[in-house]
């Protein structure tokens, strides 16, 4: 049975296609049971116990992306663990999604004090979360944009590591519930 991302035509073929109909049925029932257990709405995926939606049909500025997520009963995503970041990265790569994505971090209130907007906890700094940039002092971790870049993105050009960006750029929102 092919699995596909709800917003693309990309398909991943599982090895169950070459097996018996009974095994296929067991696989489908297993997927349905997993979906029922974590309770994510259709079009959302579970990552570390949280439902995420990588919205490919919209490219929005950060504020509009946050409003879009709130309109769906969620918030821009919070990614607090290296495992969670890796799982989101693998999802993007598996389904060949393109573009950069907004997540729910900002330092708009106080420059350099990065907070997650859903709970006002601090965004982890440094490796393994933030991208590297090359400066006259060699490679350093982002953020580096000063007061011109106050919103947090998973930047396609930076292999989907965290990057501070101008909040007016148009990226796809990652929502969470």
N, C-alpha and C. Protein backbone atom coordinates (compact mmCIF):
# COMPACT_ATOMS: atom_id res chain seq x y z
N UNK A 1 0.85 -1.18 0.00
CA UNK A 1 0.00 0.00 0.00
C UNK A 1 0.89 1.23 0.00
N UNK A 2 0.76 2.16 -0.94
CA UNK A 2 1.60 3.35 -0.96
C UNK A 2 1.20 4.32 0.15
N UNK A 3 2.20 4.91 0.77
CA UNK A 3 1.98 5.96 1.75
C UNK A 3 2.35 7.27 1.08
N UNK A 4 1.62 8.34 1.37
CA UNK A 4 1.97 9.61 0.74
C UNK A 4 1.71 10.74 1.70
N UNK A 5 2.46 11.82 1.50
CA UNK A 5 2.24 13.04 2.25
C UNK A 5 0.93 13.63 1.76
N UNK A 6 0.09 14.17 2.66
CA UNK A 6 -1.22 14.66 2.25
C UNK A 6 -1.19 15.84 1.28
N UNK A 7 -0.07 16.53 1.14
CA UNK A 7 -0.03 17.73 0.29
C UNK A 7 0.84 17.56 -0.95
N UNK A 8 1.28 16.33 -1.23
CA UNK A 8 2.12 16.11 -2.41
C UNK A 8 1.65 14.88 -3.15
N UNK A 9 2.22 14.67 -4.31
CA UNK A 9 1.94 13.46 -5.08
C UNK A 9 3.06 12.44 -4.91
N UNK A 10 4.02 12.71 -4.03
CA UNK A 10 5.12 11.80 -3.80
C UNK A 10 4.62 10.59 -3.03
N UNK A 11 5.00 9.41 -3.47
CA UNK A 11 4.59 8.19 -2.81
C UNK A 11 5.80 7.39 -2.37
N UNK A 12 5.67 6.71 -1.24
CA UNK A 12 6.68 5.78 -0.78
C UNK A 12 6.04 4.41 -0.84
N UNK A 13 6.65 3.48 -1.52
CA UNK A 13 6.10 2.15 -1.61
C UNK A 13 6.70 1.30 -0.52
N UNK A 14 5.85 0.67 0.25
CA UNK A 14 6.33 -0.20 1.32
C UNK A 14 6.51 -1.61 0.79
N UNK A 15 7.25 -2.42 1.52
CA UNK A 15 7.52 -3.78 1.09
C UNK A 15 6.29 -4.67 1.20
N UNK A 16 5.21 -4.20 1.79
CA UNK A 16 4.02 -5.03 1.94
C UNK A 16 3.28 -5.23 0.63
N UNK A 17 3.61 -4.49 -0.43
CA UNK A 17 2.93 -4.66 -1.70
C UNK A 17 3.18 -6.04 -2.28
N UNK A 18 4.31 -6.62 -2.01
CA UNK A 18 4.65 -7.90 -2.60
C UNK A 18 4.24 -9.07 -1.71
N UNK A 19 3.46 -8.84 -0.68
CA UNK A 19 3.08 -9.89 0.24
C UNK A 19 1.61 -10.24 0.07
N UNK A 20 1.17 -11.17 0.90
CA UNK A 20 -0.19 -11.68 0.79
C UNK A 20 -1.22 -10.62 1.16
N UNK A 21 -2.48 -10.79 0.68
CA UNK A 21 -3.55 -9.86 1.04
C UNK A 21 -3.78 -9.80 2.55
N UNK A 22 -3.63 -10.93 3.25
CA UNK A 22 -3.82 -10.95 4.71
C UNK A 22 -2.77 -10.09 5.40
N UNK A 23 -1.54 -10.17 4.93
CA UNK A 23 -0.48 -9.34 5.52
C UNK A 23 -0.74 -7.86 5.24
N UNK A 24 -1.22 -7.55 4.03
CA UNK A 24 -1.58 -6.17 3.69
C UNK A 24 -2.66 -5.66 4.62
N UNK A 25 -3.67 -6.48 4.87
CA UNK A 25 -4.75 -6.10 5.77
C UNK A 25 -4.22 -5.84 7.18
N UNK A 26 -3.33 -6.70 7.65
CA UNK A 26 -2.74 -6.51 8.97
C UNK A 26 -1.96 -5.20 9.03
N UNK A 27 -1.23 -4.88 7.97
CA UNK A 27 -0.47 -3.64 7.92
C UNK A 27 -1.40 -2.42 7.99
N UNK A 28 -2.48 -2.45 7.20
CA UNK A 28 -3.44 -1.35 7.19
C UNK A 28 -4.11 -1.20 8.55
N UNK A 29 -4.50 -2.32 9.15
CA UNK A 29 -5.12 -2.26 10.48
C UNK A 29 -4.13 -1.72 11.52
N UNK A 30 -2.86 -2.10 11.37
CA UNK A 30 -1.83 -1.58 12.28
C UNK A 30 -1.68 -0.07 12.15
N UNK A 31 -1.67 0.43 10.90
CA UNK A 31 -1.59 1.88 10.69
C UNK A 31 -2.80 2.59 11.27
N UNK A 32 -3.98 2.00 11.08
CA UNK A 32 -5.21 2.61 11.63
C UNK A 32 -5.16 2.64 13.15
N UNK A 33 -4.64 1.58 13.78
CA UNK A 33 -4.54 1.54 15.23
C UNK A 33 -3.57 2.60 15.73
N UNK A 34 -2.42 2.73 15.06
CA UNK A 34 -1.46 3.77 15.45
C UNK A 34 -2.09 5.14 15.32
N UNK A 35 -2.80 5.39 14.21
CA UNK A 35 -3.44 6.69 14.01
C UNK A 35 -4.47 6.96 15.10
N UNK A 36 -5.23 5.94 15.47
CA UNK A 36 -6.25 6.12 16.51
C UNK A 36 -5.62 6.39 17.87
N UNK A 37 -4.45 5.79 18.13
CA UNK A 37 -3.81 5.96 19.43
C UNK A 37 -3.28 7.37 19.63
N UNK A 38 -2.67 7.95 18.64
CA UNK A 38 -2.11 9.28 18.84
C UNK A 38 -3.11 10.37 18.52
N UNK A 39 -4.17 10.06 17.82
CA UNK A 39 -5.27 10.98 17.65
C UNK A 39 -5.00 12.22 16.83
N UNK A 40 -4.03 12.20 15.93
CA UNK A 40 -3.79 13.37 15.08
C UNK A 40 -4.89 13.48 14.03
N UNK A 41 -5.34 14.70 13.77
CA UNK A 41 -6.34 14.89 12.71
C UNK A 41 -5.78 14.48 11.35
N UNK A 42 -6.66 14.22 10.41
CA UNK A 42 -6.24 13.87 9.06
C UNK A 42 -5.35 14.98 8.49
N UNK A 43 -4.25 14.58 7.85
CA UNK A 43 -3.32 15.54 7.28
C UNK A 43 -2.23 15.99 8.25
N UNK A 44 -2.32 15.55 9.51
CA UNK A 44 -1.32 15.86 10.52
C UNK A 44 -0.51 14.60 10.80
N UNK A 45 0.75 14.76 11.25
CA UNK A 45 1.60 13.62 11.57
C UNK A 45 2.10 13.75 13.00
N UNK A 46 2.33 12.60 13.63
CA UNK A 46 2.81 12.58 15.01
C UNK A 46 4.33 12.56 15.03
N UNK A 47 4.91 13.47 15.80
CA UNK A 47 6.34 13.51 16.05
C UNK A 47 6.52 13.66 17.55
N UNK A 48 7.10 12.65 18.18
CA UNK A 48 7.34 12.66 19.63
C UNK A 48 6.08 13.02 20.43
N UNK A 49 4.96 12.44 20.07
CA UNK A 49 3.73 12.62 20.82
C UNK A 49 2.97 13.90 20.53
N UNK A 50 3.41 14.69 19.56
CA UNK A 50 2.74 15.94 19.19
C UNK A 50 2.33 15.86 17.73
N UNK A 51 1.17 16.40 17.41
CA UNK A 51 0.68 16.41 16.03
C UNK A 51 1.22 17.63 15.29
N UNK A 52 1.81 17.40 14.12
CA UNK A 52 2.36 18.46 13.30
C UNK A 52 1.69 18.47 11.93
N UNK A 53 1.59 19.67 11.34
CA UNK A 53 1.10 19.83 9.97
C UNK A 53 2.08 20.75 9.25
N UNK A 54 2.73 20.20 8.24
CA UNK A 54 3.64 20.99 7.40
C UNK A 54 2.80 21.47 6.22
N UNK A 55 2.41 22.72 6.27
CA UNK A 55 1.45 23.30 5.33
C UNK A 55 2.14 23.72 4.05
N UNK A 56 1.98 22.90 3.00
CA UNK A 56 2.66 23.18 1.73
C UNK A 56 1.84 24.07 0.79
N UNK A 57 0.56 24.24 1.06
CA UNK A 57 -0.27 25.03 0.15
C UNK A 57 -0.21 26.53 0.43
N UNK A 58 0.46 26.92 1.52
CA UNK A 58 0.57 28.33 1.87
C UNK A 58 2.03 28.71 2.11
N UNK A 59 2.43 29.86 1.59
CA UNK A 59 3.69 30.49 1.96
C UNK A 59 3.30 31.85 2.52
N UNK A 60 3.61 32.05 3.80
CA UNK A 60 3.11 33.22 4.53
C UNK A 60 4.25 33.89 5.28
N UNK A 61 4.05 35.16 5.64
CA UNK A 61 4.98 35.79 6.57
C UNK A 61 4.77 35.15 7.94
N UNK A 62 5.69 35.37 8.88
CA UNK A 62 5.66 34.67 10.17
C UNK A 62 4.37 34.95 10.94
N UNK A 63 3.93 36.20 11.02
CA UNK A 63 2.72 36.54 11.77
C UNK A 63 1.49 35.88 11.15
N UNK A 64 1.38 35.89 9.83
CA UNK A 64 0.26 35.23 9.15
C UNK A 64 0.33 33.72 9.33
N UNK A 65 1.55 33.16 9.33
CA UNK A 65 1.71 31.73 9.56
C UNK A 65 1.23 31.36 10.96
N UNK A 66 1.54 32.18 11.94
CA UNK A 66 1.08 31.92 13.31
C UNK A 66 -0.45 31.98 13.37
N UNK A 67 -1.04 32.98 12.74
CA UNK A 67 -2.50 33.10 12.71
C UNK A 67 -3.13 31.90 12.01
N UNK A 68 -2.52 31.46 10.91
CA UNK A 68 -3.01 30.28 10.19
C UNK A 68 -3.04 29.06 11.12
N UNK A 69 -1.98 28.85 11.88
CA UNK A 69 -1.93 27.71 12.80
C UNK A 69 -2.99 27.86 13.90
N UNK A 70 -3.14 29.06 14.44
CA UNK A 70 -4.14 29.29 15.49
C UNK A 70 -5.55 29.05 14.95
N UNK A 71 -5.80 29.41 13.70
CA UNK A 71 -7.11 29.16 13.09
C UNK A 71 -7.41 27.67 12.97
N UNK A 72 -6.37 26.84 12.97
CA UNK A 72 -6.55 25.39 12.93
C UNK A 72 -6.56 24.78 14.33
N UNK A 73 -6.60 25.60 15.36
CA UNK A 73 -6.60 25.10 16.73
C UNK A 73 -5.23 24.74 17.24
N UNK A 74 -4.19 25.30 16.62
CA UNK A 74 -2.84 24.98 17.01
C UNK A 74 -1.99 26.22 17.21
N UNK A 75 -0.71 26.04 17.02
CA UNK A 75 0.28 27.11 17.18
C UNK A 75 1.44 26.76 16.26
N UNK A 76 2.26 27.74 15.91
CA UNK A 76 3.49 27.43 15.20
C UNK A 76 4.28 26.43 16.04
N UNK A 77 4.95 25.51 15.37
CA UNK A 77 5.60 24.38 16.04
C UNK A 77 6.72 24.81 16.97
N UNK A 78 6.85 24.04 18.02
CA UNK A 78 7.95 24.11 18.98
C UNK A 78 8.77 22.85 18.80
N UNK A 79 10.06 22.98 18.57
CA UNK A 79 10.94 21.82 18.42
C UNK A 79 12.03 21.95 19.48
N UNK A 80 11.89 21.17 20.56
CA UNK A 80 12.78 21.35 21.71
C UNK A 80 13.84 20.27 21.85
N UNK A 81 13.77 19.21 21.05
CA UNK A 81 14.76 18.14 21.17
C UNK A 81 15.45 17.91 19.84
N UNK A 82 16.67 17.41 19.92
CA UNK A 82 17.41 17.07 18.71
C UNK A 82 16.69 15.95 17.95
N UNK A 83 16.09 15.02 18.69
CA UNK A 83 15.35 13.93 18.04
C UNK A 83 14.15 14.49 17.29
N UNK A 84 13.43 15.42 17.89
CA UNK A 84 12.29 16.04 17.21
C UNK A 84 12.71 16.77 15.95
N UNK A 85 13.81 17.52 16.02
CA UNK A 85 14.32 18.23 14.84
C UNK A 85 14.69 17.23 13.76
N UNK A 86 15.35 16.15 14.15
CA UNK A 86 15.75 15.13 13.18
C UNK A 86 14.52 14.48 12.53
N UNK A 87 13.48 14.21 13.31
CA UNK A 87 12.29 13.57 12.77
C UNK A 87 11.57 14.50 11.78
N UNK A 88 11.51 15.79 12.08
CA UNK A 88 10.90 16.75 11.15
C UNK A 88 11.74 16.82 9.87
N UNK A 89 13.06 16.87 10.02
CA UNK A 89 13.96 16.87 8.86
C UNK A 89 13.74 15.63 7.99
N UNK A 90 13.68 14.46 8.62
CA UNK A 90 13.48 13.22 7.87
C UNK A 90 12.13 13.22 7.15
N UNK A 91 11.11 13.77 7.77
CA UNK A 91 9.80 13.86 7.13
C UNK A 91 9.88 14.74 5.88
N UNK A 92 10.52 15.91 6.03
CA UNK A 92 10.67 16.83 4.89
C UNK A 92 11.42 16.14 3.76
N UNK A 93 12.50 15.46 4.07
CA UNK A 93 13.31 14.81 3.03
C UNK A 93 12.60 13.59 2.44
N UNK A 94 11.93 12.79 3.27
CA UNK A 94 11.24 11.59 2.79
C UNK A 94 10.17 11.94 1.76
N UNK A 95 9.43 13.02 2.04
CA UNK A 95 8.35 13.40 1.14
C UNK A 95 8.77 14.48 0.13
N UNK A 96 10.08 14.74 0.04
CA UNK A 96 10.64 15.67 -0.94
C UNK A 96 9.94 17.03 -0.90
N UNK A 97 9.66 17.51 0.32
CA UNK A 97 9.05 18.82 0.47
C UNK A 97 10.11 19.88 0.21
N UNK A 98 9.70 20.98 -0.37
CA UNK A 98 10.66 22.03 -0.72
C UNK A 98 10.28 23.34 -0.07
N UNK A 99 11.29 24.16 0.17
CA UNK A 99 11.08 25.47 0.77
C UNK A 99 11.49 25.47 2.23
N UNK A 100 11.48 26.65 2.80
CA UNK A 100 11.78 26.83 4.21
C UNK A 100 10.47 26.89 4.99
N UNK A 101 10.57 26.69 6.31
CA UNK A 101 9.38 26.57 7.15
C UNK A 101 9.50 27.45 8.39
N UNK A 102 8.40 28.11 8.72
CA UNK A 102 8.34 28.87 9.97
C UNK A 102 8.03 27.94 11.13
N UNK A 103 8.72 28.16 12.25
CA UNK A 103 8.38 27.53 13.52
C UNK A 103 8.19 28.65 14.55
N UNK A 104 7.77 28.30 15.74
CA UNK A 104 7.27 29.28 16.70
C UNK A 104 8.27 29.93 17.62
N UNK A 105 9.45 30.24 17.16
CA UNK A 105 10.43 30.95 17.97
C UNK A 105 10.61 32.38 17.51
N UNK A 106 10.88 33.29 18.47
CA UNK A 106 11.06 34.70 18.12
C UNK A 106 11.89 35.40 19.19
N UNK A 107 12.61 36.42 18.77
CA UNK A 107 13.28 37.31 19.73
C UNK A 107 12.81 38.75 19.51
N UNK A 108 11.56 38.91 19.07
CA UNK A 108 11.02 40.25 18.80
C UNK A 108 10.93 41.11 20.07
N UNK A 109 10.61 40.49 21.20
CA UNK A 109 10.46 41.28 22.44
C UNK A 109 11.78 41.84 22.92
N UNK A 110 12.80 40.96 23.00
CA UNK A 110 14.12 41.37 23.46
C UNK A 110 15.14 40.74 22.53
N UNK A 111 15.89 41.57 21.83
CA UNK A 111 16.87 41.09 20.87
C UNK A 111 17.84 40.09 21.53
N UNK A 112 17.95 38.91 20.89
CA UNK A 112 18.86 37.89 21.38
C UNK A 112 18.26 36.93 22.40
N UNK A 113 17.06 37.23 22.90
CA UNK A 113 16.39 36.36 23.87
C UNK A 113 15.31 35.57 23.13
N UNK A 114 15.69 34.43 22.58
CA UNK A 114 14.81 33.62 21.75
C UNK A 114 13.86 32.80 22.62
N UNK A 115 12.55 33.00 22.37
CA UNK A 115 11.51 32.30 23.14
C UNK A 115 10.57 31.57 22.19
N UNK A 116 10.03 30.45 22.66
CA UNK A 116 8.94 29.77 21.97
C UNK A 116 7.66 30.50 22.31
N UNK A 117 6.88 30.86 21.30
CA UNK A 117 5.70 31.69 21.54
C UNK A 117 4.57 30.95 22.24
N UNK A 118 4.54 29.63 22.16
CA UNK A 118 3.42 28.91 22.78
C UNK A 118 3.53 28.84 24.29
N UNK A 119 4.75 28.82 24.85
CA UNK A 119 4.89 28.71 26.31
C UNK A 119 5.95 29.65 26.90
N UNK A 120 6.55 30.48 26.06
CA UNK A 120 7.57 31.46 26.44
C UNK A 120 8.81 30.83 27.10
N UNK A 121 9.05 29.54 26.81
CA UNK A 121 10.30 28.92 27.25
C UNK A 121 11.40 29.31 26.27
N UNK A 122 12.63 29.20 26.70
CA UNK A 122 13.76 29.61 25.86
C UNK A 122 14.05 28.58 24.77
N UNK A 123 14.38 29.08 23.59
CA UNK A 123 14.83 28.25 22.48
C UNK A 123 16.27 27.84 22.78
N UNK A 124 16.57 26.54 22.66
CA UNK A 124 17.95 26.07 22.87
C UNK A 124 18.87 26.71 21.84
N UNK A 125 20.03 27.09 22.28
CA UNK A 125 20.99 27.75 21.40
C UNK A 125 22.10 26.77 21.01
N UNK A 126 22.78 27.08 19.92
CA UNK A 126 23.95 26.31 19.51
C UNK A 126 23.61 24.98 18.85
N UNK A 127 24.61 24.12 18.82
CA UNK A 127 24.50 22.80 18.22
C UNK A 127 23.63 21.94 19.12
N UNK A 128 22.78 21.08 18.62
CA UNK A 128 22.59 20.69 17.23
C UNK A 128 21.46 21.42 16.53
N UNK A 129 20.95 22.50 17.10
CA UNK A 129 19.75 23.13 16.57
C UNK A 129 20.04 24.18 15.49
N UNK A 130 20.95 25.09 15.76
CA UNK A 130 21.15 26.26 14.91
C UNK A 130 22.15 25.99 13.79
N UNK A 131 21.88 26.59 12.64
CA UNK A 131 22.77 26.49 11.48
C UNK A 131 24.07 27.24 11.76
N UNK A 132 25.06 26.97 10.95
CA UNK A 132 26.33 27.68 11.01
C UNK A 132 26.36 28.75 9.93
N UNK A 133 27.06 29.83 10.22
CA UNK A 133 27.34 30.83 9.19
C UNK A 133 28.83 31.15 9.23
N UNK A 134 29.35 31.58 8.11
CA UNK A 134 30.76 31.89 7.99
C UNK A 134 30.93 33.39 8.15
N UNK A 135 31.79 33.78 9.07
CA UNK A 135 32.06 35.20 9.28
C UNK A 135 33.57 35.42 9.22
N UNK A 136 33.98 36.64 9.44
CA UNK A 136 35.43 36.92 9.43
C UNK A 136 36.14 36.21 10.58
N UNK A 137 35.37 35.74 11.56
CA UNK A 137 35.94 35.02 12.71
C UNK A 137 35.83 33.51 12.52
N UNK A 138 35.49 33.05 11.31
CA UNK A 138 35.31 31.62 11.05
C UNK A 138 33.84 31.24 11.19
N UNK A 139 33.59 29.96 11.33
CA UNK A 139 32.21 29.49 11.44
C UNK A 139 31.67 29.72 12.84
N UNK A 140 30.44 30.24 12.87
CA UNK A 140 29.74 30.47 14.14
C UNK A 140 28.30 30.04 13.97
N UNK A 141 27.67 29.72 15.10
CA UNK A 141 26.25 29.37 15.05
C UNK A 141 25.40 30.59 14.81
N UNK A 142 24.29 30.39 14.09
CA UNK A 142 23.23 31.37 14.07
C UNK A 142 22.71 31.46 15.52
N UNK A 143 21.95 32.44 15.89
CA UNK A 143 21.42 33.54 15.09
C UNK A 143 22.46 34.64 14.89
N UNK A 144 22.36 35.30 13.73
CA UNK A 144 23.33 36.34 13.41
C UNK A 144 22.69 37.57 12.80
N UNK A 145 21.36 37.61 12.71
CA UNK A 145 20.71 38.68 11.96
C UNK A 145 20.40 39.94 12.74
N UNK A 146 20.71 39.97 14.03
CA UNK A 146 20.43 41.16 14.81
C UNK A 146 18.95 41.51 14.79
N UNK A 147 18.65 42.79 14.87
CA UNK A 147 17.25 43.22 14.96
C UNK A 147 16.51 43.13 13.62
N UNK A 148 17.21 42.77 12.54
CA UNK A 148 16.56 42.62 11.24
C UNK A 148 15.96 41.23 11.04
N UNK A 149 16.34 40.26 11.88
CA UNK A 149 15.89 38.87 11.72
C UNK A 149 15.43 38.36 13.08
N UNK A 150 14.12 38.38 13.29
CA UNK A 150 13.58 38.07 14.62
C UNK A 150 12.66 36.86 14.66
N UNK A 151 12.56 36.11 13.57
CA UNK A 151 11.66 34.97 13.54
C UNK A 151 12.44 33.71 13.17
N UNK A 152 12.00 32.60 13.74
CA UNK A 152 12.74 31.35 13.62
C UNK A 152 12.20 30.50 12.47
N UNK A 153 13.11 30.05 11.62
CA UNK A 153 12.75 29.22 10.47
C UNK A 153 13.63 27.98 10.42
N UNK A 154 13.07 26.93 9.81
CA UNK A 154 13.88 25.79 9.37
C UNK A 154 14.23 26.11 7.93
N UNK A 155 15.46 26.48 7.71
CA UNK A 155 15.92 27.05 6.45
C UNK A 155 16.39 25.95 5.49
N UNK A 156 15.74 25.88 4.33
CA UNK A 156 16.10 24.88 3.33
C UNK A 156 17.56 24.99 2.93
N UNK A 157 18.07 26.20 2.77
CA UNK A 157 19.46 26.38 2.34
C UNK A 157 20.45 26.02 3.45
N UNK A 158 19.96 25.84 4.64
CA UNK A 158 20.80 25.49 5.79
C UNK A 158 20.49 24.07 6.29
N UNK A 159 20.00 23.21 5.40
CA UNK A 159 19.70 21.81 5.73
C UNK A 159 18.64 21.68 6.85
N UNK A 160 17.76 22.66 6.94
CA UNK A 160 16.64 22.69 7.88
C UNK A 160 17.08 22.80 9.34
N UNK A 161 18.26 23.38 9.56
CA UNK A 161 18.62 23.77 10.91
C UNK A 161 17.95 25.11 11.20
N UNK A 162 17.89 25.50 12.48
CA UNK A 162 17.30 26.78 12.86
C UNK A 162 18.09 27.92 12.23
N UNK A 163 17.35 28.95 11.80
CA UNK A 163 17.97 30.16 11.28
C UNK A 163 17.07 31.33 11.62
N UNK A 164 17.66 32.42 12.07
CA UNK A 164 16.87 33.64 12.29
C UNK A 164 16.65 34.30 10.94
N UNK A 165 15.42 34.72 10.71
CA UNK A 165 15.04 35.27 9.41
C UNK A 165 14.20 36.53 9.60
N UNK A 166 14.15 37.32 8.53
CA UNK A 166 13.24 38.47 8.47
C UNK A 166 11.82 37.93 8.51
N UNK A 167 11.02 38.42 9.44
CA UNK A 167 9.66 37.90 9.67
C UNK A 167 8.73 38.12 8.48
N UNK A 168 9.12 38.96 7.53
CA UNK A 168 8.27 39.23 6.37
C UNK A 168 8.51 38.25 5.21
N UNK A 169 9.50 37.39 5.33
CA UNK A 169 9.73 36.39 4.28
C UNK A 169 8.54 35.45 4.22
N UNK A 170 8.34 34.87 3.04
CA UNK A 170 7.21 33.96 2.84
C UNK A 170 7.70 32.51 2.89
N UNK A 171 7.35 31.83 3.99
CA UNK A 171 7.71 30.42 4.19
C UNK A 171 6.45 29.63 4.54
N UNK A 172 6.59 28.32 4.49
CA UNK A 172 5.47 27.44 4.85
C UNK A 172 5.42 27.30 6.37
N UNK A 173 4.22 27.35 6.96
CA UNK A 173 4.13 27.15 8.41
C UNK A 173 4.19 25.67 8.78
N UNK A 174 4.84 25.40 9.91
CA UNK A 174 4.69 24.09 10.55
C UNK A 174 3.85 24.35 11.79
N UNK A 175 2.66 23.79 11.78
CA UNK A 175 1.73 23.95 12.91
C UNK A 175 1.81 22.73 13.81
N UNK A 176 1.45 22.92 15.07
CA UNK A 176 1.38 21.79 16.00
C UNK A 176 0.12 21.90 16.85
N UNK A 177 -0.35 20.76 17.30
CA UNK A 177 -1.48 20.69 18.24
C UNK A 177 -1.09 19.85 19.42
